[in-house]
């Protein structure tokens, strides 16, 4: 997927990441998708999800569906 004006894309981390340089992902809301990238590799690959898929994933994560 190509990103409109990649330099202007506003990426954000979870407030729970504490702003530390650890293992974080960043997300960006783009016009029709939610993009996800590794904060340690900002120029690396990105995953994209539909807004509905991102909401479903986020809800499951908040509810502990992925906890080991």
Protein backbone atom coordinates (compact mmCIF):
# COMPACT_ATOMS: atom_id res chain seq x y z
CA UNK A 1 0.00 0.00 0.00
CA UNK A 2 1.26 3.48 -0.71
CA UNK A 3 0.95 6.08 2.00
CA UNK A 4 -0.14 9.60 1.17
CA UNK A 5 2.61 11.98 2.29
CA UNK A 6 4.41 9.45 4.50
CA UNK A 7 6.38 12.18 6.26
CA UNK A 8 3.14 13.79 7.48
CA UNK A 9 1.63 10.55 8.80
CA UNK A 10 0.92 10.91 12.51
CA UNK A 11 2.06 7.75 14.32
CA UNK A 12 1.24 7.15 17.97
CA UNK A 13 2.13 4.67 20.70
CA UNK A 14 -0.07 3.37 23.44
CA UNK A 15 0.04 5.47 26.59
CA UNK A 16 0.77 2.17 28.35
CA UNK A 17 4.09 1.88 26.54
CA UNK A 18 5.50 4.49 28.90
CA UNK A 19 7.42 6.17 26.10
CA UNK A 20 10.32 3.81 26.68
CA UNK A 21 12.31 2.48 23.75
CA UNK A 22 11.17 -1.07 24.38
CA UNK A 23 9.04 -3.35 22.29
CA UNK A 24 6.26 -1.09 21.09
CA UNK A 25 4.07 -0.83 18.09
CA UNK A 26 2.78 2.41 16.68
CA UNK A 27 -0.48 2.99 14.85
CA UNK A 28 -1.65 5.61 12.40
CA UNK A 29 -5.21 6.24 11.31
CA UNK A 30 -5.18 6.76 7.57
CA UNK A 31 -8.18 7.57 5.36
CA UNK A 32 -9.44 3.99 4.93
CA UNK A 33 -7.12 1.85 7.05
CA UNK A 34 -5.29 1.64 10.35
CA UNK A 35 -1.56 1.14 9.81
CA UNK A 36 0.71 -0.59 12.33
CA UNK A 37 4.52 -0.52 12.48
CA UNK A 38 7.35 -1.56 14.79
CA UNK A 39 8.58 1.50 16.70
CA UNK A 40 12.17 0.20 16.52
CA UNK A 41 12.00 0.03 12.70
CA UNK A 42 9.93 3.04 11.60
CA UNK A 43 11.00 2.68 7.95
CA UNK A 44 10.32 -1.04 7.90
CA UNK A 45 7.21 -2.94 6.87
CA UNK A 46 3.74 -1.88 7.93
CA UNK A 47 0.58 -3.87 8.39
CA UNK A 48 -2.79 -2.40 7.50
CA UNK A 49 -6.22 -3.28 8.81
CA UNK A 50 -9.72 -2.12 8.07
CA UNK A 51 -11.10 0.07 10.86
CA UNK A 52 -13.58 -2.71 11.78
CA UNK A 53 -10.82 -5.35 11.99
CA UNK A 54 -8.69 -3.01 14.13
CA UNK A 55 -11.61 -2.34 16.50
CA UNK A 56 -12.24 -6.08 16.87
CA UNK A 57 -8.55 -6.80 17.52
CA UNK A 58 -8.29 -3.93 20.02
CA UNK A 59 -11.38 -5.09 21.90
CA UNK A 60 -10.07 -8.66 22.12
CA UNK A 61 -6.67 -7.44 23.33
CA UNK A 62 -8.28 -5.26 26.01
CA UNK A 63 -10.42 -8.19 27.14
CA UNK A 64 -7.39 -10.48 27.52
CA UNK A 65 -8.11 -12.77 24.59
CA UNK A 66 -4.39 -12.96 23.77
CA UNK A 67 -3.03 -13.27 27.31
CA UNK A 68 -0.97 -16.36 27.91
